[in-house]
Amino acid sequence: VQLQASGGGLVQAGGSLRLSCAASGRPFSNYVMGWFRQAPGKEREFVATISRSGGNSYYADFVKGRFTISRDNAKNMVYLQMNSLKPEDTAVYYCAADSVTSILAVRTTARTYEYWGQGTQVTVPS
């Protein structure tokens, strides 16, 4: 499956952005989806994940209550709504896909994901 992330940009602290990830190539509903981010000089870290059905999701503690992951299987899209953005949210954000059997499984570990998008930059000036 090919993934294309978009929607990044520069936003002031407290603002919002909505990232999108378009998937193509294979049945999208076969994949658990995740968002990860990588800031300069830091390792890639987990942000959020959503199950194949969309019925289960999980977030990193530092985004709980601020970010929401969602998906539209009919459109082969996954989204990350980011609210109350902080300077520490500045990073390149990546979407990822992993084929799983369970419709409720989620994945938080980067190395388990098979496919990755190219990343989209989010900058929140301090």
C-alpha atoms as a PDB file:
ATOM      1  CA  VAL A   1       0.000   0.000   0.000  1.00  0.00           C
ATOM      2  CA  GLN A   2       1.213   3.520  -0.799  1.00  0.00           C
ATOM      3  CA  LEU A   3       0.685   6.308   1.701  1.00  0.00           C
ATOM      4  CA  GLN A   4       0.681  10.053   1.106  1.00  0.00           C
ATOM      5  CA  ALA A   5       0.535  12.395   4.093  1.00  0.00           C
ATOM      6  CA  SER A   6      -0.490  16.027   3.811  1.00  0.00           C
ATOM      7  CA  GLY A   7      -1.867  18.917   5.795  1.00  0.00           C
ATOM      8  CA  GLY A   8       1.173  20.052   7.712  1.00  0.00           C
ATOM      9  CA  GLY A   9       2.188  23.670   8.040  1.00  0.00           C
ATOM     10  CA  LEU A  10       3.053  26.478  10.383  1.00  0.00           C
ATOM     11  CA  VAL A  11       0.529  27.259  13.085  1.00  0.00           C
ATOM     12  CA  GLN A  12       0.678  29.406  16.195  1.00  0.00           C
ATOM     13  CA  ALA A  13       0.579  27.831  19.626  1.00  0.00           C
ATOM     14  CA  GLY A  14      -2.976  26.999  20.589  1.00  0.00           C
ATOM     15  CA  GLY A  15      -3.999  26.563  16.983  1.00  0.00           C
ATOM     16  CA  SER A  16      -5.205  23.531  15.066  1.00  0.00           C
ATOM     17  CA  LEU A  17      -4.220  21.478  12.056  1.00  0.00           C
ATOM     18  CA  ARG A  18      -5.736  18.459  10.375  1.00  0.00           C
ATOM     19  CA  LEU A  19      -3.354  15.978   8.837  1.00  0.00           C
ATOM     20  CA  SER A  20      -4.552  13.622   6.147  1.00  0.00           C
ATOM     21  CA  CYS A  21      -3.097  10.386   4.837  1.00  0.00           C
ATOM     22  CA  ALA A  22      -4.296   8.932   1.564  1.00  0.00           C
ATOM     23  CA  ALA A  23      -3.782   5.226   0.929  1.00  0.00           C
ATOM     24  CA  SER A  24      -3.760   3.405  -2.362  1.00  0.00           C
ATOM     25  CA  GLY A  25      -2.848   0.040  -3.777  1.00  0.00           C
ATOM     26  CA  ARG A  26      -4.603  -2.470  -1.524  1.00  0.00           C
ATOM     27  CA  PRO A  27      -7.837  -2.743   0.446  1.00  0.00           C
ATOM     28  CA  PHE A  28      -7.444   0.001   3.016  1.00  0.00           C
ATOM     29  CA  SER A  29      -9.687  -1.676   5.555  1.00  0.00           C
ATOM     30  CA  ASN A  30      -7.132  -4.488   5.969  1.00  0.00           C
ATOM     31  CA  TYR A  31      -4.728  -2.156   7.733  1.00  0.00           C
ATOM     32  CA  VAL A  32      -4.368  -0.747  11.178  1.00  0.00           C
ATOM     33  CA  MET A  33      -3.151   2.830  10.807  1.00  0.00           C
ATOM     34  CA  GLY A  34      -0.843   4.913  12.914  1.00  0.00           C
ATOM     35  CA  TRP A  35       0.632   8.377  13.155  1.00  0.00           C
ATOM     36  CA  PHE A  36       4.181   8.894  14.347  1.00  0.00           C
ATOM     37  CA  ARG A  37       6.376  11.964  14.576  1.00  0.00           C
ATOM     38  CA  GLN A  38      10.039  12.785  14.593  1.00  0.00           C
ATOM     39  CA  ALA A  39      11.511  16.022  15.851  1.00  0.00           C
ATOM     40  CA  PRO A  40      15.039  17.145  14.925  1.00  0.00           C
ATOM     41  CA  GLY A  41      17.623  15.191  16.869  1.00  0.00           C
ATOM     42  CA  LYS A  42      15.041  12.869  18.383  1.00  0.00           C
ATOM     43  CA  GLU A  43      13.809   9.376  17.668  1.00  0.00           C
ATOM     44  CA  ARG A  44      10.553   8.716  15.908  1.00  0.00           C
ATOM     45  CA  GLU A  45       7.735   8.428  18.447  1.00  0.00           C
ATOM     46  CA  PHE A  46       4.226   7.061  18.474  1.00  0.00           C
ATOM     47  CA  VAL A  47       1.352   9.546  18.378  1.00  0.00           C
ATOM     48  CA  ALA A  48      -1.898   7.681  17.671  1.00  0.00           C
ATOM     49  CA  THR A  49      -3.301   4.516  16.149  1.00  0.00           C
ATOM     50  CA  ILE A  50      -6.681   3.375  14.920  1.00  0.00           C
ATOM     51  CA  SER A  51      -7.985  -0.110  14.223  1.00  0.00           C
ATOM     52  CA  ARG A  52      -9.154  -1.439  10.875  1.00  0.00           C
ATOM     53  CA  SER A  53     -12.784  -0.801  11.711  1.00  0.00           C
ATOM     54  CA  GLY A  54     -12.179   2.534  13.383  1.00  0.00           C
ATOM     55  CA  GLY A  55     -13.782   1.159  16.499  1.00  0.00           C
ATOM     56  CA  ASN A  56     -10.627   1.254  18.587  1.00  0.00           C
ATOM     57  CA  SER A  57      -7.946   3.879  18.972  1.00  0.00           C
ATOM     58  CA  TYR A  58      -5.058   4.658  21.259  1.00  0.00           C
ATOM     59  CA  TYR A  59      -2.996   7.757  21.919  1.00  0.00           C
ATOM     60  CA  ALA A  60       0.324   8.732  23.365  1.00  0.00           C
ATOM     61  CA  ASP A  61      -0.122  10.409  26.734  1.00  0.00           C
ATOM     62  CA  PHE A  62       1.242  13.713  25.476  1.00  0.00           C
ATOM     63  CA  VAL A  63      -1.578  14.099  22.920  1.00  0.00           C
ATOM     64  CA  LYS A  64      -4.541  12.723  24.827  1.00  0.00           C
ATOM     65  CA  GLY A  65      -7.368  15.204  24.846  1.00  0.00           C
ATOM     66  CA  ARG A  66      -5.766  17.304  22.100  1.00  0.00           C
ATOM     67  CA  PHE A  67      -5.436  15.007  19.061  1.00  0.00           C
ATOM     68  CA  THR A  68      -8.039  12.770  17.462  1.00  0.00           C
ATOM     69  CA  ILE A  69      -7.361  10.035  14.933  1.00  0.00           C
ATOM     70  CA  SER A  70     -10.097   8.940  12.555  1.00  0.00           C
ATOM     71  CA  ARG A  71     -10.461   7.067   9.302  1.00  0.00           C
ATOM     72  CA  ASP A  72     -12.816   6.816   6.368  1.00  0.00           C
ATOM     73  CA  ASN A  73     -12.493   3.380   4.812  1.00  0.00           C
ATOM     74  CA  ALA A  74     -14.726   4.327   1.905  1.00  0.00           C
ATOM     75  CA  LYS A  75     -12.289   7.100   0.947  1.00  0.00           C
ATOM     76  CA  ASN A  76      -9.081   5.261   1.924  1.00  0.00           C
ATOM     77  CA  MET A  77      -8.170   8.100   4.274  1.00  0.00           C
ATOM     78  CA  VAL A  78      -6.907   8.470   7.808  1.00  0.00           C
ATOM     79  CA  TYR A  79      -6.838  11.789   9.629  1.00  0.00           C
ATOM     80  CA  LEU A  80      -5.190  13.344  12.628  1.00  0.00           C
ATOM     81  CA  GLN A  81      -7.016  16.351  14.043  1.00  0.00           C
ATOM     82  CA  MET A  82      -4.579  18.306  16.175  1.00  0.00           C
ATOM     83  CA  ASN A  83      -5.895  20.962  18.542  1.00  0.00           C
ATOM     84  CA  SER A  84      -4.241  23.108  21.197  1.00  0.00           C
ATOM     85  CA  LEU A  85      -0.903  22.741  19.468  1.00  0.00           C
ATOM     86  CA  LYS A  86       2.264  23.404  21.412  1.00  0.00           C
ATOM     87  CA  PRO A  87       5.808  24.222  20.307  1.00  0.00           C
ATOM     88  CA  GLU A  88       6.860  20.732  21.414  1.00  0.00           C
ATOM     89  CA  ASP A  89       4.511  19.282  18.788  1.00  0.00           C
ATOM     90  CA  THR A  90       6.865  20.562  16.109  1.00  0.00           C
ATOM     91  CA  ALA A  91       8.016  17.550  14.088  1.00  0.00           C
ATOM     92  CA  VAL A  92       7.654  15.685  10.850  1.00  0.00           C
ATOM     93  CA  TYR A  93       4.519  13.578  11.086  1.00  0.00           C
ATOM     94  CA  TYR A  94       4.305  10.208   9.370  1.00  0.00           C
ATOM     95  CA  CYS A  95       1.392   7.923   8.702  1.00  0.00           C
ATOM     96  CA  ALA A  96       1.937   4.183   8.679  1.00  0.00           C
ATOM     97  CA  ALA A  97      -0.009   1.023   7.871  1.00  0.00           C
ATOM     98  CA  ASP A  98       0.211  -2.526   9.167  1.00  0.00           C
ATOM     99  CA  SER A  99      -1.827  -5.473   7.912  1.00  0.00           C
ATOM    100  CA  VAL A 100      -3.610  -7.281  10.725  1.00  0.00           C
ATOM    101  CA  THR A 101      -6.358  -9.848  11.069  1.00  0.00           C
ATOM    102  CA  SER A 102      -8.288  -8.409  13.981  1.00  0.00           C
ATOM    103  CA  ILE A 103     -10.601  -5.507  13.181  1.00  0.00           C
ATOM    104  CA  LEU A 104      -9.959  -4.030  16.633  1.00  0.00           C
ATOM    105  CA  ALA A 105      -6.191  -4.423  16.882  1.00  0.00           C
ATOM    106  CA  VAL A 106      -4.060  -1.308  17.307  1.00  0.00           C
ATOM    107  CA  ARG A 107      -0.295  -0.923  17.032  1.00  0.00           C
ATOM    108  CA  THR A 108       1.934   1.499  18.925  1.00  0.00           C
ATOM    109  CA  THR A 109       5.395   0.268  17.916  1.00  0.00           C
ATOM    110  CA  ALA A 110       6.984   1.732  14.809  1.00  0.00           C
ATOM    111  CA  ARG A 111       8.912  -1.396  13.839  1.00  0.00           C
ATOM    112  CA  THR A 112       5.687  -3.399  13.453  1.00  0.00           C
ATOM    113  CA  TYR A 113       4.404  -1.148  10.670  1.00  0.00           C
ATOM    114  CA  GLU A 114       5.019  -2.348   7.141  1.00  0.00           C
ATOM    115  CA  TYR A 115       4.311   0.784   5.140  1.00  0.00           C
ATOM    116  CA  TRP A 116       5.151   4.439   5.681  1.00  0.00           C
ATOM    117  CA  GLY A 117       4.246   7.712   4.070  1.00  0.00           C
ATOM    118  CA  GLN A 118       6.764  10.422   3.288  1.00  0.00           C
ATOM    119  CA  GLY A 119       5.965  12.717   6.210  1.00  0.00           C
ATOM    120  CA  THR A 120       4.518  16.193   6.550  1.00  0.00           C
ATOM    121  CA  GLN A 121       6.118  18.998   8.550  1.00  0.00           C
ATOM    122  CA  VAL A 122       4.259  20.606  11.446  1.00  0.00           C
ATOM    123  CA  THR A 123       5.816  23.704  12.962  1.00  0.00           C
ATOM    124  CA  VAL A 124       4.537  25.478  16.045  1.00  0.00           C
ATOM    125  CA  PRO A 125       6.763  28.458  16.867  1.00  0.00           C
ATOM    126  CA  SER A 126       7.532  29.189  20.486  1.00  0.00           C
END
